[in-house]
Amino acid sequence: MRLPASAHTARPWRVHAIAGDFALADVWRLPTPGGPDDLIHLVRQFSGTAPHAGGAVPERSSSPFAHPVAATLLGLRWKLGALLGWDGPGTGIGARVPSLRERLPDDLRDGPRGPDSRPIPFRSVYTTRDEWLAEIANRTVHAALHLGWVPDGSGGYHAQMAVLVKPNGRFGRAYLAGIKPLRRFGVYPAMFEAAGRRWQETAALRATG
């Protein structure tokens, strides 16, 4: 379910002080009910580093990005980017733009960083009990994916995802405007359907730690 911007901006997230010059593109509520310490399980799921139910081998297919619809649309984006040089050397984190990790206060820099994402190469910035921030950059945009763990008012919690963007000039702004319908009506619904289904399937695994 898509949420108003205030659902993100009104919460006391640490990310506000770190990415205050980024624009808020989207805020969504995810179908992932859980307990107060369950965010790390969702982080592993999103990053494609969740273990198999039968062992500790990471299961890349656990990532919502692996949903067939999302994977197809994102795959087309990477092919177009390769053709046009959007994702080449010199366009990413540490090359075209510095990492958001350079902005972290000491407690976040010294704390858990969290797993990098795959198959989409989001680089983890920091992890806390109720936040995960990851970033990606290319010739079009410097973007950050924020997962927040939100109390639901009745003793439970759920995830909230925000996408923060810093477009690279006019071209970046035009690019973001062009992909907005695909993002909101194609990629995100497919991702969240997959995330919710996988969350339910792994309920027993989470209960055992």
N, C-alpha and C. Protein backbone atom coordinates (compact mmCIF):
# COMPACT_ATOMS: atom_id res chain seq x y z
N MET A 1 0.85 -1.19 0.00
CA MET A 1 0.00 0.00 0.00
C MET A 1 0.89 1.24 0.00
N ARG A 2 0.62 2.14 -0.93
CA ARG A 2 1.38 3.38 -1.00
C ARG A 2 0.91 4.32 0.11
N LEU A 3 1.87 5.02 0.74
CA LEU A 3 1.60 5.89 1.87
C LEU A 3 1.95 7.33 1.53
N PRO A 4 1.37 8.29 2.27
CA PRO A 4 1.77 9.68 2.08
C PRO A 4 3.20 9.91 2.55
N ALA A 5 3.81 10.97 2.05
CA ALA A 5 5.20 11.27 2.41
C ALA A 5 5.37 11.42 3.91
N SER A 6 4.35 11.92 4.59
CA SER A 6 4.45 12.16 6.03
C SER A 6 4.66 10.86 6.82
N ALA A 7 4.27 9.71 6.24
CA ALA A 7 4.48 8.44 6.93
C ALA A 7 5.97 8.17 7.12
N HIS A 8 6.78 8.74 6.25
CA HIS A 8 8.24 8.63 6.38
C HIS A 8 8.83 9.85 7.10
N THR A 9 8.44 11.04 6.66
CA THR A 9 9.08 12.25 7.18
C THR A 9 8.75 12.52 8.64
N ALA A 10 7.60 12.05 9.13
CA ALA A 10 7.20 12.33 10.51
C ALA A 10 7.85 11.39 11.52
N ARG A 11 8.50 10.35 11.04
CA ARG A 11 9.12 9.41 11.96
C ARG A 11 10.57 9.82 12.25
N PRO A 12 11.07 9.53 13.44
CA PRO A 12 12.40 9.99 13.84
C PRO A 12 13.53 9.10 13.31
N TRP A 13 13.53 8.87 12.00
CA TRP A 13 14.56 8.03 11.41
C TRP A 13 15.91 8.72 11.42
N ARG A 14 16.97 7.95 11.58
CA ARG A 14 18.32 8.50 11.50
C ARG A 14 18.64 8.96 10.07
N VAL A 15 17.99 8.37 9.10
CA VAL A 15 18.29 8.69 7.71
C VAL A 15 18.03 10.16 7.38
N HIS A 16 17.14 10.82 8.10
CA HIS A 16 16.82 12.21 7.78
C HIS A 16 18.06 13.09 7.86
N ALA A 17 18.92 12.84 8.85
CA ALA A 17 20.13 13.64 9.02
C ALA A 17 21.24 13.23 8.05
N ILE A 18 21.11 12.06 7.46
CA ILE A 18 22.16 11.53 6.60
C ILE A 18 21.90 11.81 5.13
N ALA A 19 20.64 11.75 4.74
CA ALA A 19 20.28 11.95 3.33
C ALA A 19 19.27 13.09 3.19
N GLY A 20 19.48 14.16 3.94
CA GLY A 20 18.53 15.27 3.92
C GLY A 20 18.46 16.01 2.60
N ASP A 21 19.47 15.85 1.74
CA ASP A 21 19.46 16.51 0.44
C ASP A 21 18.90 15.61 -0.66
N PHE A 22 18.41 14.45 -0.29
CA PHE A 22 17.75 13.55 -1.24
C PHE A 22 16.25 13.83 -1.23
N ALA A 23 15.61 13.66 -2.38
CA ALA A 23 14.16 13.82 -2.47
C ALA A 23 13.48 12.49 -2.18
N LEU A 24 12.33 12.56 -1.53
CA LEU A 24 11.54 11.37 -1.22
C LEU A 24 10.67 11.03 -2.43
N ALA A 25 10.94 9.89 -3.06
CA ALA A 25 10.20 9.51 -4.27
C ALA A 25 8.96 8.70 -3.96
N ASP A 26 9.06 7.77 -2.99
CA ASP A 26 7.94 6.88 -2.69
C ASP A 26 8.02 6.40 -1.26
N VAL A 27 6.85 6.10 -0.69
CA VAL A 27 6.76 5.45 0.62
C VAL A 27 5.68 4.37 0.52
N TRP A 28 6.01 3.16 0.96
CA TRP A 28 5.07 2.05 0.87
C TRP A 28 5.05 1.28 2.18
N ARG A 29 3.88 0.77 2.53
CA ARG A 29 3.75 -0.18 3.63
C ARG A 29 3.86 -1.58 3.07
N LEU A 30 4.66 -2.42 3.71
CA LEU A 30 4.87 -3.78 3.24
C LEU A 30 4.05 -4.77 4.06
N PRO A 31 3.57 -5.85 3.43
CA PRO A 31 2.76 -6.86 4.13
C PRO A 31 3.64 -7.84 4.91
N THR A 32 4.32 -7.32 5.94
CA THR A 32 5.30 -8.12 6.67
C THR A 32 5.10 -7.97 8.18
N PRO A 33 4.01 -8.45 8.74
CA PRO A 33 3.79 -8.32 10.18
C PRO A 33 4.82 -9.13 10.96
N GLY A 34 5.25 -8.56 12.10
CA GLY A 34 6.25 -9.27 12.89
C GLY A 34 6.42 -8.69 14.26
N GLY A 35 7.49 -9.12 14.92
CA GLY A 35 7.80 -8.66 16.26
C GLY A 35 8.85 -7.56 16.25
N PRO A 36 9.23 -7.07 17.40
CA PRO A 36 10.10 -5.90 17.49
C PRO A 36 11.50 -6.11 16.93
N ASP A 37 11.97 -7.34 16.86
CA ASP A 37 13.34 -7.59 16.42
C ASP A 37 13.42 -8.28 15.06
N ASP A 38 12.36 -8.19 14.28
CA ASP A 38 12.30 -8.95 13.03
C ASP A 38 12.84 -8.22 11.80
N LEU A 39 13.24 -6.97 11.95
CA LEU A 39 13.71 -6.24 10.76
C LEU A 39 14.89 -6.94 10.10
N ILE A 40 15.80 -7.48 10.87
CA ILE A 40 16.98 -8.11 10.28
C ILE A 40 16.61 -9.25 9.35
N HIS A 41 15.52 -9.96 9.64
CA HIS A 41 15.07 -11.04 8.75
C HIS A 41 14.62 -10.47 7.41
N LEU A 42 13.94 -9.33 7.45
CA LEU A 42 13.49 -8.71 6.20
C LEU A 42 14.67 -8.14 5.42
N VAL A 43 15.65 -7.59 6.12
CA VAL A 43 16.85 -7.09 5.47
C VAL A 43 17.54 -8.21 4.70
N ARG A 44 17.67 -9.36 5.33
CA ARG A 44 18.29 -10.52 4.66
C ARG A 44 17.47 -10.97 3.46
N GLN A 45 16.15 -10.89 3.60
CA GLN A 45 15.27 -11.27 2.49
C GLN A 45 15.44 -10.30 1.34
N PHE A 46 15.41 -9.00 1.62
CA PHE A 46 15.55 -7.99 0.56
C PHE A 46 16.91 -8.06 -0.11
N SER A 47 17.93 -8.35 0.68
CA SER A 47 19.29 -8.35 0.14
C SER A 47 19.63 -9.65 -0.56
N GLY A 48 18.73 -10.64 -0.51
CA GLY A 48 19.02 -11.92 -1.14
C GLY A 48 20.02 -12.75 -0.37
N THR A 49 20.15 -12.50 0.94
CA THR A 49 21.09 -13.26 1.76
C THR A 49 20.37 -14.08 2.83
N ALA A 50 19.05 -14.25 2.69
CA ALA A 50 18.30 -15.07 3.64
C ALA A 50 18.70 -16.53 3.48
N PRO A 51 18.78 -17.28 4.59
CA PRO A 51 19.15 -18.70 4.49
C PRO A 51 18.00 -19.55 3.96
N HIS A 52 18.35 -20.68 3.38
CA HIS A 52 17.34 -21.68 3.04
C HIS A 52 16.69 -22.20 4.31
N ALA A 53 15.48 -22.66 4.19
CA ALA A 53 14.79 -23.22 5.36
C ALA A 53 15.55 -24.42 5.93
N GLY A 54 16.30 -25.14 5.09
CA GLY A 54 16.99 -26.33 5.56
C GLY A 54 18.44 -26.13 5.90
N GLY A 55 18.93 -24.89 5.85
CA GLY A 55 20.34 -24.70 6.14
C GLY A 55 20.74 -23.25 6.06
N ALA A 56 22.05 -23.01 6.02
CA ALA A 56 22.57 -21.65 6.09
C ALA A 56 23.00 -21.10 4.74
N VAL A 57 22.69 -21.81 3.65
CA VAL A 57 23.10 -21.34 2.33
C VAL A 57 22.20 -20.17 1.92
N PRO A 58 22.77 -19.02 1.55
CA PRO A 58 21.93 -17.89 1.16
C PRO A 58 21.03 -18.24 -0.03
N GLU A 59 19.83 -17.72 0.02
CA GLU A 59 18.85 -18.01 -1.03
C GLU A 59 18.55 -16.73 -1.78
N ARG A 60 19.24 -16.57 -2.91
CA ARG A 60 19.10 -15.33 -3.68
C ARG A 60 17.66 -15.11 -4.11
N SER A 61 16.91 -16.20 -4.37
CA SER A 61 15.54 -16.06 -4.84
C SER A 61 14.62 -15.50 -3.76
N SER A 62 15.12 -15.37 -2.51
CA SER A 62 14.31 -14.78 -1.46
C SER A 62 14.10 -13.30 -1.69
N SER A 63 14.96 -12.66 -2.47
CA SER A 63 14.85 -11.22 -2.69
C SER A 63 13.60 -10.89 -3.48
N PRO A 64 12.85 -9.86 -3.05
CA PRO A 64 11.69 -9.43 -3.85
C PRO A 64 12.07 -8.99 -5.26
N PHE A 65 13.33 -8.58 -5.46
CA PHE A 65 13.79 -8.19 -6.79
C PHE A 65 13.81 -9.37 -7.75
N ALA A 66 13.76 -10.61 -7.21
CA ALA A 66 13.80 -11.80 -8.04
C ALA A 66 12.43 -12.20 -8.56
N HIS A 67 11.35 -11.52 -8.13
CA HIS A 67 10.02 -11.80 -8.67
C HIS A 67 10.08 -11.69 -10.19
N PRO A 68 9.45 -12.61 -10.94
CA PRO A 68 9.57 -12.60 -12.40
C PRO A 68 9.25 -11.26 -13.06
N VAL A 69 8.18 -10.59 -12.60
CA VAL A 69 7.83 -9.30 -13.20
C VAL A 69 8.90 -8.26 -12.90
N ALA A 70 9.26 -8.16 -11.62
CA ALA A 70 10.28 -7.19 -11.23
C ALA A 70 11.61 -7.50 -11.91
N ALA A 71 11.98 -8.78 -11.94
CA ALA A 71 13.25 -9.17 -12.55
C ALA A 71 13.29 -8.86 -14.04
N THR A 72 12.15 -9.06 -14.72
CA THR A 72 12.08 -8.77 -16.16
C THR A 72 12.24 -7.28 -16.42
N LEU A 73 11.50 -6.46 -15.69
CA LEU A 73 11.57 -5.02 -15.89
C LEU A 73 12.95 -4.46 -15.53
N LEU A 74 13.49 -4.96 -14.41
CA LEU A 74 14.81 -4.49 -14.00
C LEU A 74 15.88 -5.00 -14.96
N GLY A 75 15.69 -6.22 -15.48
CA GLY A 75 16.64 -6.75 -16.45
C GLY A 75 16.69 -5.90 -17.72
N LEU A 76 15.53 -5.43 -18.16
CA LEU A 76 15.48 -4.55 -19.32
C LEU A 76 16.21 -3.24 -19.03
N ARG A 77 16.04 -2.75 -17.79
CA ARG A 77 16.74 -1.52 -17.41
C ARG A 77 18.26 -1.72 -17.46
N TRP A 78 18.76 -2.85 -16.96
CA TRP A 78 20.21 -3.06 -16.96
C TRP A 78 20.74 -3.22 -18.39
N LYS A 79 19.97 -3.87 -19.25
CA LYS A 79 20.40 -4.01 -20.64
C LYS A 79 20.47 -2.65 -21.33
N LEU A 80 19.47 -1.81 -21.07
CA LEU A 80 19.48 -0.47 -21.65
C LEU A 80 20.64 0.34 -21.08
N GLY A 81 20.87 0.18 -19.78
CA GLY A 81 21.98 0.90 -19.15
C GLY A 81 23.32 0.47 -19.71
N ALA A 82 23.47 -0.83 -19.98
CA ALA A 82 24.72 -1.32 -20.56
C ALA A 82 24.92 -0.76 -21.97
N LEU A 83 23.83 -0.68 -22.72
CA LEU A 83 23.89 -0.18 -24.09
C LEU A 83 24.27 1.30 -24.12
N LEU A 84 23.74 2.07 -23.16
CA LEU A 84 23.93 3.52 -23.16
C LEU A 84 25.02 4.00 -22.20
N GLY A 85 25.64 3.07 -21.50
CA GLY A 85 26.73 3.43 -20.62
C GLY A 85 26.32 4.07 -19.32
N TRP A 86 25.09 3.81 -18.86
CA TRP A 86 24.62 4.42 -17.62
C TRP A 86 25.29 3.84 -16.38
N ASP A 87 25.74 2.60 -16.46
CA ASP A 87 26.23 1.90 -15.28
C ASP A 87 27.70 1.54 -15.38
N GLY A 88 28.42 2.17 -16.27
CA GLY A 88 29.80 1.83 -16.51
C GLY A 88 30.75 2.31 -15.42
N PRO A 89 32.02 1.99 -15.55
CA PRO A 89 33.03 2.45 -14.59
C PRO A 89 33.00 3.97 -14.47
N GLY A 90 33.12 4.43 -13.26
CA GLY A 90 33.13 5.87 -13.02
C GLY A 90 31.77 6.48 -12.79
N THR A 91 30.69 5.64 -12.79
CA THR A 91 29.34 6.18 -12.61
C THR A 91 28.74 5.88 -11.24
N GLY A 92 29.41 5.06 -10.44
CA GLY A 92 28.79 4.55 -9.22
C GLY A 92 29.30 5.17 -7.93
N ILE A 93 29.05 4.45 -6.82
CA ILE A 93 29.46 4.87 -5.49
C ILE A 93 30.99 4.90 -5.42
N GLY A 94 31.52 5.99 -4.87
CA GLY A 94 32.96 6.12 -4.74
C GLY A 94 33.65 6.62 -5.98
N ALA A 95 32.88 6.77 -7.09
CA ALA A 95 33.44 7.29 -8.33
C ALA A 95 32.71 8.59 -8.71
N ARG A 96 31.48 8.47 -9.20
CA ARG A 96 30.73 9.69 -9.51
C ARG A 96 30.26 10.40 -8.26
N VAL A 97 29.88 9.63 -7.24
CA VAL A 97 29.40 10.22 -5.99
C VAL A 97 30.05 9.52 -4.80
N PRO A 98 30.26 10.23 -3.69
CA PRO A 98 30.77 9.57 -2.48
C PRO A 98 29.66 8.77 -1.81
N SER A 99 30.04 7.77 -1.05
CA SER A 99 29.07 6.95 -0.34
C SER A 99 28.43 7.73 0.81
N LEU A 100 27.18 7.40 1.08
CA LEU A 100 26.52 7.97 2.25
C LEU A 100 27.19 7.54 3.55
N ARG A 101 27.97 6.49 3.52
CA ARG A 101 28.69 6.09 4.73
C ARG A 101 29.64 7.18 5.21
N GLU A 102 30.09 8.03 4.31
CA GLU A 102 30.98 9.12 4.69
C GLU A 102 30.27 10.17 5.53
N ARG A 103 28.95 10.13 5.56
CA ARG A 103 28.17 11.09 6.34
C ARG A 103 27.75 10.56 7.71
N LEU A 104 28.05 9.29 7.98
CA LEU A 104 27.53 8.67 9.19
C LEU A 104 28.20 9.21 10.44
N PRO A 105 27.42 9.40 11.52
CA PRO A 105 28.03 9.69 12.82
C PRO A 105 28.75 8.44 13.32
N ASP A 106 29.58 8.63 14.34
CA ASP A 106 30.44 7.54 14.80
C ASP A 106 29.67 6.29 15.19
N ASP A 107 28.53 6.46 15.87
CA ASP A 107 27.82 5.27 16.37
C ASP A 107 27.30 4.41 15.23
N LEU A 108 26.84 5.04 14.14
CA LEU A 108 26.36 4.26 13.00
C LEU A 108 27.52 3.71 12.19
N ARG A 109 28.59 4.46 12.06
CA ARG A 109 29.75 3.97 11.31
C ARG A 109 30.38 2.77 12.00
N ASP A 110 30.37 2.79 13.33
CA ASP A 110 30.98 1.68 14.07
C ASP A 110 30.01 0.52 14.32
N GLY A 111 28.75 0.73 14.02
CA GLY A 111 27.74 -0.31 14.23
C GLY A 111 27.64 -1.24 13.04
N PRO A 112 26.64 -2.15 13.05
CA PRO A 112 26.48 -3.09 11.94
C PRO A 112 26.20 -2.38 10.62
N ARG A 113 26.88 -2.80 9.59
CA ARG A 113 26.67 -2.19 8.28
C ARG A 113 25.51 -2.85 7.55
N GLY A 114 25.39 -4.16 7.71
CA GLY A 114 24.33 -4.89 7.02
C GLY A 114 24.81 -5.46 5.71
N PRO A 115 24.05 -6.38 5.12
CA PRO A 115 24.46 -7.05 3.88
C PRO A 115 24.20 -6.19 2.65
N ASP A 116 25.08 -6.27 1.68
CA ASP A 116 24.82 -5.67 0.38
C ASP A 116 23.75 -6.49 -0.33
N SER A 117 23.05 -5.83 -1.26
CA SER A 117 21.92 -6.47 -1.93
C SER A 117 22.35 -7.15 -3.22
N ARG A 118 21.66 -8.22 -3.56
CA ARG A 118 21.80 -8.89 -4.84
C ARG A 118 20.44 -9.46 -5.22
N PRO A 119 20.04 -9.58 -6.43
CA PRO A 119 20.84 -9.30 -7.62
C PRO A 119 20.99 -7.82 -7.95
N ILE A 120 20.15 -6.93 -7.38
CA ILE A 120 20.31 -5.50 -7.61
C ILE A 120 21.42 -5.01 -6.70
N PRO A 121 22.46 -4.35 -7.23
CA PRO A 121 23.64 -4.04 -6.43
C PRO A 121 23.50 -2.82 -5.52
N PHE A 122 22.54 -2.88 -4.59
CA PHE A 122 22.49 -1.87 -3.55
C PHE A 122 23.59 -2.15 -2.54
N ARG A 123 24.32 -1.10 -2.14
CA ARG A 123 25.39 -1.24 -1.17
C ARG A 123 24.88 -0.78 0.20
N SER A 124 25.00 -1.63 1.19
CA SER A 124 24.47 -1.31 2.52
C SER A 124 25.24 -0.15 3.14
N VAL A 125 24.50 0.73 3.82
CA VAL A 125 25.09 1.89 4.47
C VAL A 125 25.12 1.69 5.99
N TYR A 126 23.99 1.32 6.58
CA TYR A 126 23.95 1.01 8.01
C TYR A 126 22.70 0.20 8.34
N THR A 127 22.76 -0.46 9.48
CA THR A 127 21.63 -1.23 10.00
C THR A 127 21.47 -0.94 11.48
N THR A 128 20.24 -0.70 11.92
CA THR A 128 19.92 -0.60 13.34
C THR A 128 18.75 -1.54 13.61
N ARG A 129 18.25 -1.51 14.81
CA ARG A 129 17.12 -2.38 15.16
C ARG A 129 15.88 -2.05 14.33
N ASP A 130 15.74 -0.78 13.93
CA ASP A 130 14.53 -0.41 13.19
C ASP A 130 14.77 0.30 11.87
N GLU A 131 16.02 0.28 11.36
CA GLU A 131 16.31 0.90 10.07
C GLU A 131 17.38 0.11 9.31
N TRP A 132 17.21 0.07 8.00
CA TRP A 132 18.27 -0.38 7.10
C TRP A 132 18.32 0.59 5.95
N LEU A 133 19.52 1.06 5.63
CA LEU A 133 19.70 1.98 4.51
C LEU A 133 20.73 1.38 3.56
N ALA A 134 20.38 1.36 2.27
CA ALA A 134 21.30 0.89 1.24
C ALA A 134 21.26 1.88 0.08
N GLU A 135 22.32 1.93 -0.70
CA GLU A 135 22.43 2.94 -1.75
C GLU A 135 22.92 2.33 -3.06
N ILE A 136 22.63 3.05 -4.14
CA ILE A 136 23.10 2.68 -5.47
C ILE A 136 23.29 3.97 -6.25
N ALA A 137 24.22 3.96 -7.17
CA ALA A 137 24.43 5.15 -8.01
C ALA A 137 24.82 4.72 -9.42
N ASN A 138 24.44 5.53 -10.38
CA ASN A 138 24.84 5.34 -11.76
C ASN A 138 24.84 6.71 -12.43
N ARG A 139 24.84 6.74 -13.74
CA ARG A 139 24.92 8.02 -14.43
C ARG A 139 23.64 8.84 -14.29
N THR A 140 22.53 8.20 -13.91
CA THR A 140 21.24 8.90 -13.85
C THR A 140 20.91 9.43 -12.46
N VAL A 141 21.30 8.70 -11.41
CA VAL A 141 20.80 9.03 -10.08
C VAL A 141 21.69 8.42 -9.00
N HIS A 142 21.67 9.03 -7.83
CA HIS A 142 22.17 8.43 -6.60
C HIS A 142 20.91 8.16 -5.78
N ALA A 143 20.63 6.91 -5.50
CA ALA A 143 19.37 6.54 -4.84
C ALA A 143 19.64 5.75 -3.58
N ALA A 144 18.71 5.84 -2.64
CA ALA A 144 18.82 5.09 -1.38
C ALA A 144 17.51 4.38 -1.11
N LEU A 145 17.62 3.15 -0.64
CA LEU A 145 16.48 2.34 -0.24
C LEU A 145 16.47 2.27 1.28
N HIS A 146 15.38 2.69 1.90
CA HIS A 146 15.29 2.72 3.35
C HIS A 146 14.16 1.80 3.80
N LEU A 147 14.49 0.82 4.64
CA LEU A 147 13.48 -0.01 5.29
C LEU A 147 13.38 0.42 6.74
N GLY A 148 12.19 0.77 7.17
CA GLY A 148 11.95 1.11 8.56
C GLY A 148 10.99 0.12 9.18
N TRP A 149 11.17 -0.15 10.47
CA TRP A 149 10.34 -1.11 11.19
C TRP A 149 9.42 -0.32 12.10
N VAL A 150 8.11 -0.39 11.83
CA VAL A 150 7.14 0.53 12.41
C VAL A 150 6.15 -0.20 13.30
N PRO A 151 5.93 0.28 14.53
CA PRO A 151 4.90 -0.33 15.38
C PRO A 151 3.52 -0.06 14.79
N ASP A 152 2.64 -1.07 14.91
CA ASP A 152 1.31 -0.93 14.31
C ASP A 152 0.24 -0.46 15.29
N GLY A 153 0.63 -0.20 16.54
CA GLY A 153 -0.31 0.31 17.53
C GLY A 153 -1.04 -0.76 18.31
N SER A 154 -0.83 -2.03 17.94
CA SER A 154 -1.52 -3.11 18.65
C SER A 154 -0.53 -4.19 19.12
N GLY A 155 0.71 -3.79 19.29
CA GLY A 155 1.73 -4.71 19.78
C GLY A 155 2.59 -5.34 18.71
N GLY A 156 2.21 -5.18 17.47
CA GLY A 156 2.99 -5.75 16.38
C GLY A 156 3.77 -4.70 15.61
N TYR A 157 4.46 -5.15 14.58
CA TYR A 157 5.28 -4.26 13.75
C TYR A 157 5.11 -4.66 12.29
N HIS A 158 5.49 -3.74 11.41
CA HIS A 158 5.53 -4.04 9.99
C HIS A 158 6.59 -3.15 9.35
N ALA A 159 6.96 -3.48 8.12
CA ALA A 159 7.98 -2.72 7.42
C ALA A 159 7.36 -1.60 6.60
N GLN A 160 8.17 -0.58 6.43
CA GLN A 160 7.81 0.56 5.59
C GLN A 160 9.03 0.85 4.72
N MET A 161 8.83 0.95 3.42
CA MET A 161 9.94 1.19 2.51
C MET A 161 9.84 2.58 1.92
N ALA A 162 10.95 3.31 1.96
CA ALA A 162 11.03 4.62 1.33
C ALA A 162 12.16 4.60 0.30
N VAL A 163 11.93 5.27 -0.82
CA VAL A 163 12.94 5.42 -1.85
C VAL A 163 13.33 6.89 -1.91
N LEU A 164 14.62 7.16 -1.73
CA LEU A 164 15.16 8.51 -1.72
C LEU A 164 16.05 8.68 -2.93
N VAL A 165 15.94 9.81 -3.62
CA VAL A 165 16.67 9.97 -4.87
C VAL A 165 17.36 11.33 -4.95
N LYS A 166 18.49 11.33 -5.63
CA LYS A 166 19.22 12.55 -5.95
C LYS A 166 19.59 12.45 -7.43
N PRO A 167 18.73 12.99 -8.32
CA PRO A 167 18.97 12.83 -9.76
C PRO A 167 20.22 13.58 -10.21
N ASN A 168 20.84 13.06 -11.25
CA ASN A 168 22.04 13.67 -11.82
C ASN A 168 21.62 14.64 -12.92
N GLY A 169 21.31 15.88 -12.52
CA GLY A 169 20.97 16.93 -13.47
C GLY A 169 19.66 16.71 -14.20
N ARG A 170 19.50 17.40 -15.32
CA ARG A 170 18.25 17.32 -16.09
C ARG A 170 18.02 15.92 -16.62
N PHE A 171 19.08 15.29 -17.05
CA PHE A 171 18.94 13.93 -17.57
C PHE A 171 18.41 13.00 -16.49
N GLY A 172 18.95 13.11 -15.28
CA GLY A 172 18.49 12.27 -14.19
C GLY A 172 17.04 12.52 -13.83
N ARG A 173 16.64 13.78 -13.84
CA ARG A 173 15.24 14.10 -13.54
C ARG A 173 14.31 13.55 -14.61
N ALA A 174 14.72 13.65 -15.86
CA ALA A 174 13.90 13.11 -16.96
C ALA A 174 13.82 11.58 -16.86
N TYR A 175 14.92 10.96 -16.51
CA TYR A 175 14.94 9.50 -16.35
C TYR A 175 13.98 9.06 -15.25
N LEU A 176 14.03 9.72 -14.10
CA LEU A 176 13.14 9.35 -12.99
C LEU A 176 11.68 9.55 -13.36
N ALA A 177 11.39 10.62 -14.07
CA ALA A 177 10.01 10.86 -14.50
C ALA A 177 9.56 9.78 -15.49
N GLY A 178 10.47 9.35 -16.35
CA GLY A 178 10.12 8.35 -17.35
C GLY A 178 9.84 6.98 -16.78
N ILE A 179 10.57 6.60 -15.72
CA ILE A 179 10.38 5.26 -15.16
C ILE A 179 9.36 5.23 -14.02
N LYS A 180 8.83 6.38 -13.66
CA LYS A 180 7.89 6.44 -12.53
C LYS A 180 6.71 5.49 -12.68
N PRO A 181 6.02 5.45 -13.83
CA PRO A 181 4.89 4.51 -13.96
C PRO A 181 5.33 3.05 -13.82
N LEU A 182 6.47 2.69 -14.41
CA LEU A 182 6.95 1.31 -14.29
C LEU A 182 7.28 0.96 -12.85
N ARG A 183 7.86 1.93 -12.16
CA ARG A 183 8.24 1.70 -10.77
C ARG A 183 7.01 1.48 -9.89
N ARG A 184 6.04 2.36 -10.02
CA ARG A 184 4.87 2.34 -9.13
C ARG A 184 3.85 1.27 -9.49
N PHE A 185 3.72 0.96 -10.78
CA PHE A 185 2.66 0.04 -11.19
C PHE A 185 3.17 -1.31 -11.68
N GLY A 186 4.50 -1.45 -11.79
CA GLY A 186 5.07 -2.71 -12.23
C GLY A 186 6.02 -3.31 -11.21
N VAL A 187 7.13 -2.63 -10.98
CA VAL A 187 8.19 -3.18 -10.13
C VAL A 187 7.75 -3.31 -8.68
N TYR A 188 7.25 -2.22 -8.08
CA TYR A 188 6.94 -2.26 -6.66
C TYR A 188 5.82 -3.24 -6.31
N PRO A 189 4.68 -3.23 -7.01
CA PRO A 189 3.65 -4.22 -6.65
C PRO A 189 4.14 -5.66 -6.73
N ALA A 190 4.94 -5.96 -7.76
CA ALA A 190 5.47 -7.32 -7.88
C ALA A 190 6.41 -7.63 -6.72
N MET A 191 7.27 -6.68 -6.38
CA MET A 191 8.21 -6.88 -5.27
C MET A 191 7.48 -7.14 -3.96
N PHE A 192 6.47 -6.34 -3.68
CA PHE A 192 5.80 -6.44 -2.39
C PHE A 192 4.95 -7.69 -2.29
N GLU A 193 4.37 -8.11 -3.41
CA GLU A 193 3.63 -9.37 -3.41
C GLU A 193 4.58 -10.52 -3.08
N ALA A 194 5.76 -10.50 -3.70
CA ALA A 194 6.75 -11.53 -3.44
C ALA A 194 7.27 -11.47 -2.00
N ALA A 195 7.49 -10.24 -1.51
CA ALA A 195 8.00 -10.08 -0.15
C ALA A 195 7.00 -10.60 0.88
N GLY A 196 5.72 -10.28 0.69
CA GLY A 196 4.70 -10.73 1.62
C GLY A 196 4.53 -12.24 1.61
N ARG A 197 4.56 -12.83 0.41
CA ARG A 197 4.42 -14.28 0.31
C ARG A 197 5.61 -14.98 0.97
N ARG A 198 6.81 -14.50 0.70
CA ARG A 198 8.00 -15.11 1.28
C ARG A 198 8.03 -14.92 2.79
N TRP A 199 7.55 -13.77 3.25
CA TRP A 199 7.51 -13.51 4.69
C TRP A 199 6.64 -14.52 5.42
N GLN A 200 5.50 -14.82 4.83
CA GLN A 200 4.61 -15.81 5.43
C GLN A 200 5.22 -17.20 5.38
N GLU A 201 5.89 -17.53 4.29
CA GLU A 201 6.49 -18.85 4.14
C GLU A 201 7.61 -19.10 5.14
N THR A 202 8.26 -18.04 5.60
CA THR A 202 9.41 -18.20 6.49
C THR A 202 9.07 -17.87 7.94
N ALA A 203 7.80 -17.82 8.28
CA ALA A 203 7.40 -17.51 9.64
C ALA A 203 8.00 -18.49 10.65
N ALA A 204 7.97 -19.78 10.33
CA ALA A 204 8.50 -20.79 11.25
C ALA A 204 10.01 -20.64 11.42
N LEU A 205 10.70 -20.30 10.34
CA LEU A 205 12.16 -20.12 10.39
C LEU A 205 12.51 -18.93 11.28
N ARG A 206 11.74 -17.85 11.19
CA ARG A 206 12.00 -16.68 12.04
C ARG A 206 11.76 -17.03 13.51
N ALA A 207 10.77 -17.85 13.77
CA ALA A 207 10.43 -18.20 15.15
C ALA A 207 11.55 -18.98 15.83
N THR A 208 12.39 -19.65 15.02
CA THR A 208 13.50 -20.43 15.60
C THR A 208 14.79 -19.62 15.66
N GLY A 209 14.70 -18.32 15.27
CA GLY A 209 15.89 -17.47 15.31
C GLY A 209 16.64 -17.47 14.02
